PDB file of N, CA and C in Angstrom:
ATOM      1  N   MET A   1      -9.565  26.558   4.030  1.00  0.00           N
ATOM      2  CA  MET A   1      -8.496  25.980   4.793  1.00  0.00           C
ATOM      3  C   MET A   1      -8.984  24.804   5.639  1.00  0.00           C
ATOM      4  N   GLN A   2     -10.269  24.830   6.026  1.00  0.00           N
ATOM      5  CA  GLN A   2     -10.795  23.729   6.823  1.00  0.00           C
ATOM      6  C   GLN A   2     -10.833  22.421   6.038  1.00  0.00           C
ATOM      7  N   GLU A   3     -11.132  22.502   4.741  1.00  0.00           N
ATOM      8  CA  GLU A   3     -11.170  21.286   3.918  1.00  0.00           C
ATOM      9  C   GLU A   3      -9.792  20.645   3.847  1.00  0.00           C
ATOM     10  N   PHE A   4      -8.757  21.467   3.738  1.00  0.00           N
ATOM     11  CA  PHE A   4      -7.389  20.943   3.688  1.00  0.00           C
ATOM     12  C   PHE A   4      -7.045  20.240   4.999  1.00  0.00           C
ATOM     13  N   GLY A   5      -7.467  20.827   6.106  1.00  0.00           N
ATOM     14  CA  GLY A   5      -7.236  20.205   7.416  1.00  0.00           C
ATOM     15  C   GLY A   5      -7.953  18.882   7.558  1.00  0.00           C
ATOM     16  N   LYS A   6      -9.193  18.834   7.094  1.00  0.00           N
ATOM     17  CA  LYS A   6      -9.962  17.586   7.145  1.00  0.00           C
ATOM     18  C   LYS A   6      -9.299  16.515   6.287  1.00  0.00           C
ATOM     19  N   THR A   7      -8.822  16.917   5.115  1.00  0.00           N
ATOM     20  CA  THR A   7      -8.152  15.975   4.215  1.00  0.00           C
ATOM     21  C   THR A   7      -6.894  15.427   4.870  1.00  0.00           C
ATOM     22  N   LEU A   8      -6.114  16.278   5.510  1.00  0.00           N
ATOM     23  CA  LEU A   8      -4.892  15.820   6.177  1.00  0.00           C
ATOM     24  C   LEU A   8      -5.204  14.868   7.325  1.00  0.00           C
ATOM     25  N   VAL A   9      -6.241  15.162   8.088  1.00  0.00           N
ATOM     26  CA  VAL A   9      -6.621  14.283   9.190  1.00  0.00           C
ATOM     27  C   VAL A   9      -7.069  12.927   8.658  1.00  0.00           C
ATOM     28  N   MET A  10      -7.898  12.913   7.629  1.00  0.00           N
ATOM     29  CA  MET A  10      -8.371  11.651   7.056  1.00  0.00           C
ATOM     30  C   MET A  10      -7.211  10.851   6.463  1.00  0.00           C
ATOM     31  N   LEU A  11      -6.321  11.537   5.766  1.00  0.00           N
ATOM     32  CA  LEU A  11      -5.163  10.861   5.190  1.00  0.00           C
ATOM     33  C   LEU A  11      -4.292  10.265   6.292  1.00  0.00           C
ATOM     34  N   GLY A  12      -4.122  10.989   7.383  1.00  0.00           N
ATOM     35  CA  GLY A  12      -3.353  10.479   8.514  1.00  0.00           C
ATOM     36  C   GLY A  12      -4.001   9.273   9.158  1.00  0.00           C
ATOM     37  N   LEU A  13      -5.317   9.309   9.312  1.00  0.00           N
ATOM     38  CA  LEU A  13      -6.027   8.167   9.900  1.00  0.00           C
ATOM     39  C   LEU A  13      -5.954   6.933   9.010  1.00  0.00           C
ATOM     40  N   VAL A  14      -6.107   7.138   7.713  1.00  0.00           N
ATOM     41  CA  VAL A  14      -6.016   6.014   6.780  1.00  0.00           C
ATOM     42  C   VAL A  14      -4.605   5.432   6.801  1.00  0.00           C
ATOM     43  N   THR A  15      -3.596   6.288   6.791  1.00  0.00           N
ATOM     44  CA  THR A  15      -2.212   5.824   6.828  1.00  0.00           C
ATOM     45  C   THR A  15      -1.922   5.078   8.127  1.00  0.00           C
ATOM     46  N   ALA A  16      -2.399   5.605   9.246  1.00  0.00           N
ATOM     47  CA  ALA A  16      -2.202   4.931  10.535  1.00  0.00           C
ATOM     48  C   ALA A  16      -2.924   3.583  10.562  1.00  0.00           C
ATOM     49  N   GLY A  17      -4.130   3.534  10.008  1.00  0.00           N
ATOM     50  CA  GLY A  17      -4.872   2.274   9.955  1.00  0.00           C
ATOM     51  C   GLY A  17      -4.171   1.225   9.118  1.00  0.00           C
ATOM     52  N   ILE A  18      -3.687   1.626   7.958  1.00  0.00           N
ATOM     53  CA  ILE A  18      -2.962   0.691   7.095  1.00  0.00           C
ATOM     54  C   ILE A  18      -1.673   0.242   7.767  1.00  0.00           C
ATOM     55  N   GLY A  19      -0.984   1.171   8.402  1.00  0.00           N
ATOM     56  CA  GLY A  19       0.238   0.829   9.121  1.00  0.00           C
ATOM     57  C   GLY A  19      -0.017  -0.157  10.252  1.00  0.00           C
ATOM     58  N   PHE A  20      -1.101   0.048  10.984  1.00  0.00           N
ATOM     59  CA  PHE A  20      -1.444  -0.876  12.066  1.00  0.00           C
ATOM     60  C   PHE A  20      -1.750  -2.266  11.522  1.00  0.00           C
ATOM     61  N   LEU A  21      -2.506  -2.337  10.419  1.00  0.00           N
ATOM     62  CA  LEU A  21      -2.831  -3.644   9.840  1.00  0.00           C
ATOM     63  C   LEU A  21      -1.574  -4.371   9.373  1.00  0.00           C
ATOM     64  N   LEU A  22      -0.658  -3.646   8.744  1.00  0.00           N
ATOM     65  CA  LEU A  22       0.581  -4.274   8.295  1.00  0.00           C
ATOM     66  C   LEU A  22       1.442  -4.692   9.482  1.00  0.00           C
ATOM     67  N   TRP A  23       1.468  -3.873  10.528  1.00  0.00           N
ATOM     68  CA  TRP A  23       2.239  -4.188  11.724  1.00  0.00           C
ATOM     69  C   TRP A  23       1.659  -5.415  12.434  1.00  0.00           C
ATOM     70  N   ALA A  24       0.340  -5.565  12.377  1.00  0.00           N
ATOM     71  CA  ALA A  24      -0.322  -6.693  13.019  1.00  0.00           C
ATOM     72  C   ALA A  24      -0.145  -7.997  12.236  1.00  0.00           C
ATOM     73  N   GLY A  25       0.335  -7.895  11.010  1.00  0.00           N
ATOM     74  CA  GLY A  25       0.600  -9.108  10.240  1.00  0.00           C
ATOM     75  C   GLY A  25      -0.404  -9.389   9.148  1.00  0.00           C
ATOM     76  N   VAL A  26      -1.395  -8.518   8.970  1.00  0.00           N
ATOM     77  CA  VAL A  26      -2.363  -8.718   7.895  1.00  0.00           C
ATOM     78  C   VAL A  26      -1.639  -8.498   6.572  1.00  0.00           C
ATOM     79  N   GLY A  27      -1.716  -9.449   5.692  1.00  0.00           N
ATOM     80  CA  GLY A  27      -1.069  -9.324   4.394  1.00  0.00           C
ATOM     81  C   GLY A  27       0.338  -9.881   4.357  1.00  0.00           C
ATOM     82  N   ARG A  28       0.789 -10.445   5.444  1.00  0.00           N
ATOM     83  CA  ARG A  28       2.158 -10.950   5.493  1.00  0.00           C
ATOM     84  C   ARG A  28       2.392 -12.083   4.499  1.00  0.00           C
ATOM     85  N   GLY A  29       1.369 -12.874   4.235  1.00  0.00           N
ATOM     86  CA  GLY A  29       1.537 -14.004   3.330  1.00  0.00           C
ATOM     87  C   GLY A  29       1.457 -13.636   1.851  1.00  0.00           C
ATOM     88  N   TRP A  30       0.738 -12.588   1.514  1.00  0.00           N
ATOM     89  CA  TRP A  30       0.540 -12.282   0.095  1.00  0.00           C
ATOM     90  C   TRP A  30       1.134 -10.942  -0.323  1.00  0.00           C
ATOM     91  N   LEU A  31       1.307 -10.012   0.602  1.00  0.00           N
ATOM     92  CA  LEU A  31       1.797  -8.684   0.253  1.00  0.00           C
ATOM     93  C   LEU A  31       3.250  -8.770  -0.205  1.00  0.00           C
ATOM     94  N   GLY A  32       3.482  -8.411  -1.447  1.00  0.00           N
ATOM     95  CA  GLY A  32       4.815  -8.497  -2.019  1.00  0.00           C
ATOM     96  C   GLY A  32       5.085  -9.799  -2.737  1.00  0.00           C
ATOM     97  N   ARG A  33       4.097 -10.693  -2.746  1.00  0.00           N
ATOM     98  CA  ARG A  33       4.265 -11.992  -3.398  1.00  0.00           C
ATOM     99  C   ARG A  33       3.106 -12.304  -4.348  1.00  0.00           C
ATOM    100  N   LEU A  34       2.568 -11.268  -4.953  1.00  0.00           N
ATOM    101  CA  LEU A  34       1.470 -11.465  -5.892  1.00  0.00           C
ATOM    102  C   LEU A  34       2.003 -11.966  -7.228  1.00  0.00           C
ATOM    103  N   PRO A  35       1.160 -12.647  -8.013  1.00  0.00           N
ATOM    104  CA  PRO A  35       1.591 -13.044  -9.350  1.00  0.00           C
ATOM    105  C   PRO A  35       1.915 -11.787 -10.170  1.00  0.00           C
ATOM    106  N   GLY A  36       3.063 -11.771 -10.778  1.00  0.00           N
ATOM    107  CA  GLY A  36       3.499 -10.617 -11.552  1.00  0.00           C
ATOM    108  C   GLY A  36       4.601  -9.838 -10.859  1.00  0.00           C
ATOM    109  N   ASP A  37       4.791 -10.064  -9.561  1.00  0.00           N
ATOM    110  CA  ASP A  37       5.914  -9.448  -8.860  1.00  0.00           C
ATOM    111  C   ASP A  37       7.200 -10.117  -9.332  1.00  0.00           C
ATOM    112  N   ILE A  38       8.228  -9.332  -9.550  1.00  0.00           N
ATOM    113  CA  ILE A  38       9.486  -9.838 -10.083  1.00  0.00           C
ATOM    114  C   ILE A  38      10.388 -10.243  -8.915  1.00  0.00           C
ATOM    115  N   ASN A  39      10.825 -11.495  -8.938  1.00  0.00           N
ATOM    116  CA  ASN A  39      11.717 -12.011  -7.908  1.00  0.00           C
ATOM    117  C   ASN A  39      12.772 -12.875  -8.585  1.00  0.00           C
ATOM    118  N   ILE A  40      14.026 -12.416  -8.570  1.00  0.00           N
ATOM    119  CA  ILE A  40      15.123 -13.141  -9.204  1.00  0.00           C
ATOM    120  C   ILE A  40      16.167 -13.436  -8.132  1.00  0.00           C
ATOM    121  N   THR A  41      16.512 -14.706  -7.974  1.00  0.00           N
ATOM    122  CA  THR A  41      17.545 -15.112  -7.032  1.00  0.00           C
ATOM    123  C   THR A  41      18.513 -16.035  -7.745  1.00  0.00           C
ATOM    124  N   ARG A  42      19.768 -15.618  -7.787  1.00  0.00           N
ATOM    125  CA  ARG A  42      20.814 -16.430  -8.418  1.00  0.00           C
ATOM    126  C   ARG A  42      22.069 -16.343  -7.564  1.00  0.00           C
ATOM    127  N   GLY A  43      22.506 -17.474  -7.080  1.00  0.00           N
ATOM    128  CA  GLY A  43      23.716 -17.499  -6.257  1.00  0.00           C
ATOM    129  C   GLY A  43      23.557 -16.638  -5.016  1.00  0.00           C
ATOM    130  N   GLY A  44      24.456 -15.680  -4.844  1.00  0.00           N
ATOM    131  CA  GLY A  44      24.396 -14.803  -3.688  1.00  0.00           C
ATOM    132  C   GLY A  44      23.680 -13.497  -3.977  1.00  0.00           C
ATOM    133  N   PHE A  45      22.997 -13.405  -5.120  1.00  0.00           N
ATOM    134  CA  PHE A  45      22.322 -12.172  -5.539  1.00  0.00           C
ATOM    135  C   PHE A  45      20.815 -12.376  -5.548  1.00  0.00           C
ATOM    136  N   GLY A  46      20.111 -11.411  -5.011  1.00  0.00           N
ATOM    137  CA  GLY A  46      18.652 -11.470  -5.034  1.00  0.00           C
ATOM    138  C   GLY A  46      18.079 -10.117  -5.419  1.00  0.00           C
ATOM    139  N   PHE A  47      17.086 -10.126  -6.287  1.00  0.00           N
ATOM    140  CA  PHE A  47      16.425  -8.899  -6.733  1.00  0.00           C
ATOM    141  C   PHE A  47      14.924  -9.109  -6.621  1.00  0.00           C
ATOM    142  N   HIS A  48      14.261  -8.181  -5.945  1.00  0.00           N
ATOM    143  CA  HIS A  48      12.811  -8.281  -5.761  1.00  0.00           C
ATOM    144  C   HIS A  48      12.182  -6.937  -6.102  1.00  0.00           C
ATOM    145  N   PHE A  49      11.245  -6.932  -7.040  1.00  0.00           N
ATOM    146  CA  PHE A  49      10.531  -5.714  -7.409  1.00  0.00           C
ATOM    147  C   PHE A  49       9.041  -6.035  -7.432  1.00  0.00           C
ATOM    148  N   PRO A  50       8.294  -5.604  -6.399  1.00  0.00           N
ATOM    149  CA  PRO A  50       6.869  -5.948  -6.292  1.00  0.00           C
ATOM    150  C   PRO A  50       5.975  -5.010  -7.107  1.00  0.00           C
ATOM    151  N   ILE A  51       6.039  -5.110  -8.418  1.00  0.00           N
ATOM    152  CA  ILE A  51       5.321  -4.165  -9.282  1.00  0.00           C
ATOM    153  C   ILE A  51       3.809  -4.329  -9.178  1.00  0.00           C
ATOM    154  N   VAL A  52       3.299  -5.540  -9.135  1.00  0.00           N
ATOM    155  CA  VAL A  52       1.855  -5.755  -9.052  1.00  0.00           C
ATOM    156  C   VAL A  52       1.337  -5.319  -7.683  1.00  0.00           C
ATOM    157  N   THR A  53       2.103  -5.567  -6.645  1.00  0.00           N
ATOM    158  CA  THR A  53       1.716  -5.109  -5.313  1.00  0.00           C
ATOM    159  C   THR A  53       1.625  -3.586  -5.287  1.00  0.00           C
ATOM    160  N   CYS A  54       2.586  -2.912  -5.914  1.00  0.00           N
ATOM    161  CA  CYS A  54       2.559  -1.443  -5.984  1.00  0.00           C
ATOM    162  C   CYS A  54       1.325  -0.958  -6.743  1.00  0.00           C
ATOM    163  N   LEU A  55       0.964  -1.641  -7.820  1.00  0.00           N
ATOM    164  CA  LEU A  55      -0.222  -1.260  -8.588  1.00  0.00           C
ATOM    165  C   LEU A  55      -1.495  -1.449  -7.773  1.00  0.00           C
ATOM    166  N   VAL A  56      -1.599  -2.552  -7.038  1.00  0.00           N
ATOM    167  CA  VAL A  56      -2.785  -2.813  -6.213  1.00  0.00           C
ATOM    168  C   VAL A  56      -2.910  -1.756  -5.123  1.00  0.00           C
ATOM    169  N   ILE A  57      -1.813  -1.433  -4.458  1.00  0.00           N
ATOM    170  CA  ILE A  57      -1.843  -0.402  -3.416  1.00  0.00           C
ATOM    171  C   ILE A  57      -2.210   0.948  -4.003  1.00  0.00           C
ATOM    172  N   SER A  58      -1.702   1.251  -5.190  1.00  0.00           N
ATOM    173  CA  SER A  58      -2.017   2.512  -5.849  1.00  0.00           C
ATOM    174  C   SER A  58      -3.500   2.615  -6.179  1.00  0.00           C
ATOM    175  N   VAL A  59      -4.086   1.545  -6.673  1.00  0.00           N
ATOM    176  CA  VAL A  59      -5.513   1.545  -6.998  1.00  0.00           C
ATOM    177  C   VAL A  59      -6.354   1.723  -5.737  1.00  0.00           C
ATOM    178  N   ILE A  60      -5.979   1.020  -4.672  1.00  0.00           N
ATOM    179  CA  ILE A  60      -6.728   1.141  -3.415  1.00  0.00           C
ATOM    180  C   ILE A  60      -6.651   2.555  -2.867  1.00  0.00           C
ATOM    181  N   LEU A  61      -5.457   3.142  -2.854  1.00  0.00           N
ATOM    182  CA  LEU A  61      -5.312   4.508  -2.352  1.00  0.00           C
ATOM    183  C   LEU A  61      -6.040   5.515  -3.242  1.00  0.00           C
ATOM    184  N   SER A  62      -6.020   5.300  -4.547  1.00  0.00           N
ATOM    185  CA  SER A  62      -6.748   6.189  -5.462  1.00  0.00           C
ATOM    186  C   SER A  62      -8.248   6.131  -5.204  1.00  0.00           C
ATOM    187  N   LEU A  63      -8.775   4.937  -4.986  1.00  0.00           N
ATOM    188  CA  LEU A  63     -10.200   4.795  -4.678  1.00  0.00           C
ATOM    189  C   LEU A  63     -10.554   5.471  -3.357  1.00  0.00           C
ATOM    190  N   LEU A  64      -9.696   5.303  -2.351  1.00  0.00           N
ATOM    191  CA  LEU A  64      -9.949   5.954  -1.065  1.00  0.00           C
ATOM    192  C   LEU A  64      -9.932   7.475  -1.200  1.00  0.00           C
ATOM    193  N   MET A  65      -8.981   7.994  -1.946  1.00  0.00           N
ATOM    194  CA  MET A  65      -8.914   9.448  -2.133  1.00  0.00           C
ATOM    195  C   MET A  65     -10.135   9.942  -2.908  1.00  0.00           C
ATOM    196  N   TRP A  66     -10.592   9.173  -3.884  1.00  0.00           N
ATOM    197  CA  TRP A  66     -11.771   9.549  -4.655  1.00  0.00           C
ATOM    198  C   TRP A  66     -13.007   9.559  -3.769  1.00  0.00           C
ATOM    199  N   ILE A  67     -13.118   8.574  -2.883  1.00  0.00           N
ATOM    200  CA  ILE A  67     -14.271   8.498  -1.984  1.00  0.00           C
ATOM    201  C   ILE A  67     -14.259   9.671  -1.001  1.00  0.00           C
ATOM    202  N   PHE A  68     -13.104  10.004  -0.440  1.00  0.00           N
ATOM    203  CA  PHE A  68     -13.025  11.069   0.552  1.00  0.00           C
ATOM    204  C   PHE A  68     -13.152  12.464  -0.061  1.00  0.00           C
ATOM    205  N   ARG A  69     -12.930  12.597  -1.351  1.00  0.00           N
ATOM    206  CA  ARG A  69     -13.077  13.893  -2.010  1.00  0.00           C
ATOM    207  C   ARG A  69     -14.539  14.218  -2.305  1.00  0.00           C
ATOM    208  N   ARG A  70     -15.395  13.221  -2.337  1.00  0.00           N
ATOM    209  CA  ARG A  70     -16.812  13.442  -2.655  1.00  0.00           C
ATOM    210  C   ARG A  70     -17.514  14.133  -1.570  1.00  0.00           C
TER     211      ARG A  70
END
């Protein structure tokens, strides 16, 4: 049960750290605007799907989880 508690604490700290960085403005210029992100604007309609940004975040989180599991 202690390992689960440690994992939750680490996950919370990582989430808080990432949240603080995003709140501070780090990534404001590129986050959500990577090459491959879908952005369609026509008339009064706009559609934005940041697929590459989601993939990059997923890879980073997967690496962090892999590192903390060791």
